């Protein structure tokens, strides 16, 4: 199959490299001429400066990897050309145009996948199996922390010019996190939330940089989620508290730990020294290929992407009213 990657930033180049490694054909649409030339020279693939020029050629699918605020206009153009859609998370920065895109996807019978690379990560898959099997019992509560120091996220770029730091490009911690997706993948849908969020640091940006949420999920599960742009070192941590055991994982330790009541030592499951961080992105692209070919159901389709945006909207509403919002 042939894939068109729209957006030649770091994630676009990662997907390009992985698709080529899987034996797929690919091209890139990148409006920045200097970056376009660098991609063409490095990857030896066709690079187009405009989407209109690219769509004159035949592709099977498009990967939307440009800033969040451009996702829907870009995806609409791609969908009108009949290409299956991979859209980096989030689906968009707002719900504007989402229903139009969903209608077009349904009309043209297109397959969709919203970026969800951690669902293909080794420890995440194992934690999902352990939760679903009941190994740690019914989950009662959770704590999730996801944060990084924004200026160091892409140290080769000026963070002030990136989408994360700019409201006009669809940035901000509420949109720039996978956790709303993964929490519900692990535990079930969010029913209610309370959110405090805003711009608290001295970083030069006009988006929220910290958010704290208390969430109630299906099956009377309650917990907390903290996300920010200020932590150093970077941190991603999940803790689940079940009736039979507690389980936790952190990006720094790269291992799952499980302990039952009255036990004195944690049972440790390491990811292993040979685990490559890029593996989950490769598996994500394999899954997208399988979805297009009808071999698998999308683990995160456009309908789910819309619901995630509704959760983000609820968080913003709660922060504005300082109240509980039901979803």
Protein backbone atom coordinates (compact mmCIF):
# COMPACT_ATOMS: atom_id res chain seq x y z
CA UNK A 1 0.00 0.00 0.00
CA UNK A 2 0.97 3.62 -0.38
CA UNK A 3 0.76 6.12 2.47
CA UNK A 4 0.80 9.92 2.46
CA UNK A 5 2.19 11.53 5.63
CA UNK A 6 0.94 15.10 6.07
CA UNK A 7 3.36 16.86 8.39
CA UNK A 8 7.10 16.25 8.44
CA UNK A 9 7.82 16.96 12.10
CA UNK A 10 9.31 14.45 14.53
CA UNK A 11 6.27 12.16 14.73
CA UNK A 12 5.68 12.31 10.98
CA UNK A 13 9.28 11.27 10.33
CA UNK A 14 8.99 8.47 12.90
CA UNK A 15 5.91 7.04 11.16
CA UNK A 16 7.61 7.43 7.77
CA UNK A 17 10.67 5.51 8.93
CA UNK A 18 8.54 2.76 10.43
CA UNK A 19 6.29 2.37 7.40
CA UNK A 20 9.33 2.07 5.15
CA UNK A 21 10.82 -0.52 7.51
CA UNK A 22 7.59 -2.51 7.14
CA UNK A 23 7.99 -2.57 3.38
CA UNK A 24 5.26 0.01 2.68
CA UNK A 25 5.48 2.79 0.12
CA UNK A 26 5.21 6.35 1.39
CA UNK A 27 5.43 10.03 0.52
CA UNK A 28 5.33 13.20 2.61
CA UNK A 29 3.53 16.51 2.41
CA UNK A 30 5.54 19.21 4.19
CA UNK A 31 5.01 22.94 3.45
CA UNK A 32 8.32 24.06 4.95
CA UNK A 33 10.71 23.93 2.01
CA UNK A 34 13.88 23.43 4.05
CA UNK A 35 12.36 20.58 6.04
CA UNK A 36 10.90 19.09 2.86
CA UNK A 37 14.34 19.03 1.24
CA UNK A 38 15.87 17.39 4.32
CA UNK A 39 13.20 14.65 4.31
CA UNK A 40 13.63 13.98 0.60
CA UNK A 41 17.39 13.70 1.01
CA UNK A 42 17.26 11.53 4.14
CA UNK A 43 14.47 9.12 3.21
CA UNK A 44 14.57 9.15 -0.61
CA UNK A 45 10.80 9.53 -0.87
CA UNK A 46 8.62 12.00 -2.82
CA UNK A 47 7.89 15.16 -0.85
CA UNK A 48 5.12 17.59 -1.77
CA UNK A 49 4.88 21.19 -0.60
CA UNK A 50 1.06 21.30 -0.80
CA UNK A 51 -1.65 18.79 -0.02
CA UNK A 52 -3.42 19.64 -3.29
CA UNK A 53 -0.35 18.54 -5.25
CA UNK A 54 0.03 15.37 -3.23
CA UNK A 55 -3.59 14.30 -3.63
CA UNK A 56 -3.24 14.34 -7.41
CA UNK A 57 -1.38 11.06 -6.97
CA UNK A 58 -2.84 7.76 -5.78
CA UNK A 59 -2.58 6.79 -2.10
CA UNK A 60 -4.37 4.24 0.04
CA UNK A 61 -4.20 6.12 3.32
CA UNK A 62 -3.20 9.44 4.82
CA UNK A 63 -1.45 10.09 8.12
CA UNK A 64 -2.37 13.48 9.61
CA UNK A 65 0.65 14.49 11.70
CA UNK A 66 0.54 18.29 11.56
CA UNK A 67 -0.43 20.59 14.50
CA UNK A 68 -3.72 19.85 16.26
CA UNK A 69 -5.61 22.85 14.92
CA UNK A 70 -5.03 21.63 11.33
CA UNK A 71 -6.17 18.05 11.91
CA UNK A 72 -9.82 18.40 10.85
CA UNK A 73 -9.33 20.61 7.75
CA UNK A 74 -6.53 18.28 6.60
CA UNK A 75 -8.48 15.10 7.36
CA UNK A 76 -11.51 16.40 5.47
CA UNK A 77 -9.40 16.94 2.34
CA UNK A 78 -7.85 13.50 2.70
CA UNK A 79 -11.20 11.80 3.32
CA UNK A 80 -12.81 13.48 0.31
CA UNK A 81 -10.12 11.79 -1.77
CA UNK A 82 -11.17 8.42 -0.36
CA UNK A 83 -8.07 7.71 1.73
CA UNK A 84 -8.21 5.82 5.00
CA UNK A 85 -7.18 7.98 7.94
CA UNK A 86 -4.61 7.84 10.70
CA UNK A 87 -4.81 11.01 12.81
CA UNK A 88 -2.28 11.72 15.52
CA UNK A 89 -3.86 12.35 18.90
CA UNK A 90 -5.90 14.29 19.62
CA UNK A 91 -8.47 14.08 16.84
CA UNK A 92 -8.60 17.88 16.95
CA UNK A 93 -8.32 20.85 19.30
CA UNK A 94 -12.11 21.29 19.36
CA UNK A 95 -15.30 19.55 18.22
CA UNK A 96 -15.74 21.96 15.29
CA UNK A 97 -15.95 19.98 12.06
CA UNK A 98 -15.71 16.60 13.78
CA UNK A 99 -19.25 15.50 12.92
CA UNK A 100 -18.72 16.52 9.29
CA UNK A 101 -15.61 14.36 9.16
CA UNK A 102 -17.42 11.43 10.82
CA UNK A 103 -20.22 11.66 8.24
CA UNK A 104 -17.68 11.66 5.42
CA UNK A 105 -15.84 8.68 6.89
CA UNK A 106 -19.12 6.75 7.14
CA UNK A 107 -20.21 7.75 3.62
CA UNK A 108 -16.96 6.62 2.04
CA UNK A 109 -16.55 3.60 4.34
CA UNK A 110 -13.09 4.68 5.47
CA UNK A 111 -11.06 3.00 8.20
CA UNK A 112 -9.71 5.26 10.95
CA UNK A 113 -7.16 5.13 13.75
CA UNK A 114 -6.37 7.92 16.21
CA UNK A 115 -2.78 7.89 17.51
CA UNK A 116 -2.53 5.62 20.57
CA UNK A 117 1.01 4.21 20.53
CA UNK A 118 1.11 3.28 24.23
CA UNK A 119 -1.66 0.72 23.66
CA UNK A 120 1.04 -1.25 21.84
CA UNK A 121 3.70 -0.86 24.54
CA UNK A 122 4.84 -4.06 26.23
CA UNK A 123 4.04 -3.13 29.84
CA UNK A 124 0.77 -1.42 28.94
CA UNK A 125 -0.44 -4.55 27.14
CA UNK A 126 0.48 -6.71 30.11
CA UNK A 127 -1.21 -4.38 32.61
CA UNK A 128 -4.34 -4.44 30.45
CA UNK A 129 -4.31 -8.25 30.48
CA UNK A 130 -3.81 -8.34 34.25
CA UNK A 131 -6.67 -5.93 34.87
CA UNK A 132 -9.06 -7.67 32.45
CA UNK A 133 -8.26 -11.11 33.88
CA UNK A 134 -9.05 -9.96 37.41
CA UNK A 135 -5.54 -10.74 38.64
CA UNK A 136 -5.49 -7.67 40.90
CA UNK A 137 -9.21 -7.77 41.61
CA UNK A 138 -11.83 -5.13 40.97
CA UNK A 139 -10.12 -1.76 40.62
CA UNK A 140 -11.24 0.71 43.27
CA UNK A 141 -8.97 3.66 42.59
CA UNK A 142 -5.98 4.92 40.59
CA UNK A 143 -3.34 7.64 40.42
CA UNK A 144 -1.84 8.72 37.09
CA UNK A 145 0.88 11.32 36.59
CA UNK A 146 2.14 12.45 33.20
CA UNK A 147 4.49 15.39 32.91
CA UNK A 148 7.55 16.70 31.15
CA UNK A 149 9.51 19.93 31.00
CA UNK A 150 8.29 21.40 27.73
CA UNK A 151 11.53 23.21 26.71
CA UNK A 152 13.36 19.87 26.88
CA UNK A 153 10.71 17.80 25.07
CA UNK A 154 12.13 18.62 21.63
CA UNK A 155 15.43 20.29 22.60
CA UNK A 156 16.33 20.87 18.95
CA UNK A 157 13.31 23.19 18.58
CA UNK A 158 12.22 26.44 20.26
CA UNK A 159 9.33 25.29 22.47
CA UNK A 160 7.71 28.74 22.18
CA UNK A 161 7.07 28.12 18.48
CA UNK A 162 5.69 24.60 18.86
CA UNK A 163 2.02 23.68 18.90
CA UNK A 164 2.05 22.75 22.62
CA UNK A 165 2.78 26.34 23.66
CA UNK A 166 0.31 28.01 21.31
CA UNK A 167 -3.46 28.08 21.70
CA UNK A 168 -3.90 28.99 18.03
CA UNK A 169 -2.23 25.69 17.08
CA UNK A 170 -4.32 23.59 19.47
CA UNK A 171 -1.83 23.21 22.30
CA UNK A 172 -2.10 22.83 26.05
CA UNK A 173 -1.77 19.92 28.48
CA UNK A 174 -5.42 18.87 28.28
CA UNK A 175 -5.01 18.13 24.57
CA UNK A 176 -1.37 17.12 24.67
CA UNK A 177 -1.84 13.92 26.66
CA UNK A 178 -2.76 10.32 25.94
CA UNK A 179 -4.02 9.67 29.44
CA UNK A 180 -7.73 10.36 28.87
CA UNK A 181 -7.62 7.59 26.28
CA UNK A 182 -5.50 5.06 28.16
CA UNK A 183 -7.26 5.41 31.51
CA UNK A 184 -10.55 4.47 29.87
CA UNK A 185 -8.91 1.67 27.87
CA UNK A 186 -7.70 0.19 31.14
CA UNK A 187 -10.71 0.86 33.37
CA UNK A 188 -13.86 2.00 31.55
CA UNK A 189 -15.55 5.25 30.62
CA UNK A 190 -15.26 8.50 32.55
CA UNK A 191 -18.65 9.50 33.99
CA UNK A 192 -17.85 12.60 36.04
CA UNK A 193 -14.87 14.87 36.62
CA UNK A 194 -13.60 17.91 38.45
CA UNK A 195 -10.69 19.79 36.89
CA UNK A 196 -8.35 22.60 37.93
CA UNK A 197 -6.20 23.82 35.07
CA UNK A 198 -4.47 26.96 33.88
CA UNK A 199 -1.19 28.71 33.14
CA UNK A 200 0.86 28.63 36.34
CA UNK A 201 4.53 28.58 35.34
CA UNK A 202 6.81 31.20 33.84
CA UNK A 203 7.08 29.33 30.56
CA UNK A 204 6.49 31.60 27.57
CA UNK A 205 3.21 30.20 26.27
CA UNK A 206 -0.50 31.01 26.18
CA UNK A 207 -1.88 27.53 26.92
CA UNK A 208 -2.57 25.72 30.20
CA UNK A 209 0.58 24.10 31.58
CA UNK A 210 -0.80 22.19 34.59
CA UNK A 211 -4.03 20.26 35.14
CA UNK A 212 -5.27 18.27 38.12
CA UNK A 213 -8.40 16.16 37.79
CA UNK A 214 -10.48 13.93 40.03
CA UNK A 215 -12.40 11.38 37.97
CA UNK A 216 -15.22 8.90 38.51
CA UNK A 217 -15.36 6.05 36.02
CA UNK A 218 -17.83 3.25 35.37
CA UNK A 219 -18.11 0.60 38.08
CA UNK A 220 -17.59 3.25 40.80
CA UNK A 221 -13.85 3.66 40.20
CA UNK A 222 -12.43 6.97 41.42
CA UNK A 223 -8.96 8.41 41.04
CA UNK A 224 -6.73 11.32 40.16
CA UNK A 225 -4.91 12.46 37.04
CA UNK A 226 -2.11 15.05 37.02
CA UNK A 227 -0.62 16.34 33.76
CA UNK A 228 1.86 19.17 33.21
CA UNK A 229 4.60 20.79 31.14
CA UNK A 230 6.86 21.56 34.10
CA UNK A 231 8.29 18.27 35.42
CA UNK A 232 11.93 17.35 35.16
CA UNK A 233 12.87 14.65 34.72
CA UNK A 234 9.99 13.61 32.48
CA UNK A 235 7.52 11.34 34.22
CA UNK A 236 4.72 8.96 33.28
CA UNK A 237 3.36 6.81 36.11
CA UNK A 238 0.29 4.61 36.55
CA UNK A 239 -0.87 3.19 39.89
CA UNK A 240 -3.93 0.93 40.19
CA UNK A 241 -5.42 -0.08 43.53
CA UNK A 242 -7.44 -3.30 43.33
CA UNK A 243 -9.25 -5.42 45.89
CA UNK A 244 -6.66 -8.21 45.52
CA UNK A 245 -3.46 -6.26 44.80
CA UNK A 246 -1.88 -2.94 43.90
CA UNK A 247 -0.06 -2.51 40.61
CA UNK A 248 2.17 0.28 39.39
CA UNK A 249 4.36 1.14 36.41
CA UNK A 250 6.57 4.11 35.63
CA UNK A 251 8.43 5.17 32.53
CA UNK A 252 11.60 5.70 34.54
CA UNK A 253 11.68 2.23 36.12
CA UNK A 254 10.38 0.46 32.99
CA UNK A 255 8.81 -2.35 34.97
CA UNK A 256 5.48 -3.41 36.47
CA UNK A 257 5.30 -3.94 40.22
CA UNK A 258 2.52 -5.86 41.98
CA UNK A 259 1.91 -6.36 45.69
CA UNK A 260 -0.98 -7.95 47.61
CA UNK A 261 -2.20 -7.07 51.12
CA UNK A 262 0.18 -8.20 53.87
CA UNK A 263 2.92 -9.08 51.37
CA UNK A 264 6.27 -7.48 52.18
CA UNK A 265 7.87 -7.48 48.72
CA UNK A 266 6.74 -6.34 45.29
CA UNK A 267 6.57 -8.84 42.45
CA UNK A 268 8.53 -7.23 39.60
CA UNK A 269 8.03 -7.72 35.85
CA UNK A 270 10.79 -5.98 33.86
CA UNK A 271 10.39 -4.82 30.27
CA UNK A 272 13.81 -6.30 29.53
CA UNK A 273 17.05 -4.75 28.30
CA UNK A 274 16.26 -5.41 24.64
CA UNK A 275 12.98 -3.49 24.58
CA UNK A 276 13.14 -0.64 22.06
CA UNK A 277 11.01 2.47 22.70
CA UNK A 278 10.20 2.62 18.98
CA UNK A 279 8.69 -0.89 19.01
CA UNK A 280 5.27 0.39 20.07
CA UNK A 281 5.19 2.82 17.14
CA UNK A 282 6.05 -0.01 14.74
CA UNK A 283 3.26 -2.13 16.22
CA UNK A 284 0.88 0.83 15.90
CA UNK A 285 1.62 1.07 12.17
CA UNK A 286 1.23 -2.70 11.78
CA UNK A 287 -2.17 -2.38 13.42
CA UNK A 288 -3.18 0.44 11.06
CA UNK A 289 -2.24 -1.70 8.07
CA UNK A 290 -4.28 -4.59 9.49
CA UNK A 291 -7.27 -2.28 10.07
CA UNK A 292 -7.15 -1.07 6.47
CA UNK A 293 -6.94 -4.64 5.20
CA UNK A 294 -9.86 -5.74 7.36
CA UNK A 295 -7.75 -8.01 9.56
CA UNK A 296 -8.39 -6.07 12.78
CA UNK A 297 -10.83 -3.63 14.36
CA UNK A 298 -9.40 -0.21 15.17
CA UNK A 299 -8.47 0.07 18.86
CA UNK A 300 -9.08 3.84 18.71
CA UNK A 301 -11.34 4.93 15.87
CA UNK A 302 -12.74 8.34 15.02
CA UNK A 303 -15.83 7.84 17.17
CA UNK A 304 -13.66 7.20 20.21
CA UNK A 305 -11.53 10.20 19.26
CA UNK A 306 -14.66 12.37 19.41
CA UNK A 307 -15.50 11.09 22.89
CA UNK A 308 -12.00 11.96 24.10
CA UNK A 309 -12.56 15.53 22.89
CA UNK A 310 -15.85 15.59 24.80
CA UNK A 311 -13.92 14.63 27.94
CA UNK A 312 -11.46 17.49 27.31
CA UNK A 313 -14.37 19.90 26.83
CA UNK A 314 -15.86 18.69 30.12
CA UNK A 315 -12.53 19.33 31.87
CA UNK A 316 -12.42 22.87 30.51
CA UNK A 317 -16.01 23.47 31.57
CA UNK A 318 -15.29 22.17 35.08
CA UNK A 319 -12.23 24.39 35.39
CA UNK A 320 -14.27 27.40 34.36
CA UNK A 321 -17.17 26.73 36.75
CA UNK A 322 -15.21 24.96 39.53
CA UNK A 323 -17.89 22.29 39.53
CA UNK A 324 -18.51 18.61 38.83
CA UNK A 325 -19.28 17.87 35.17
CA UNK A 326 -21.02 14.70 33.97
CA UNK A 327 -20.16 13.24 30.56
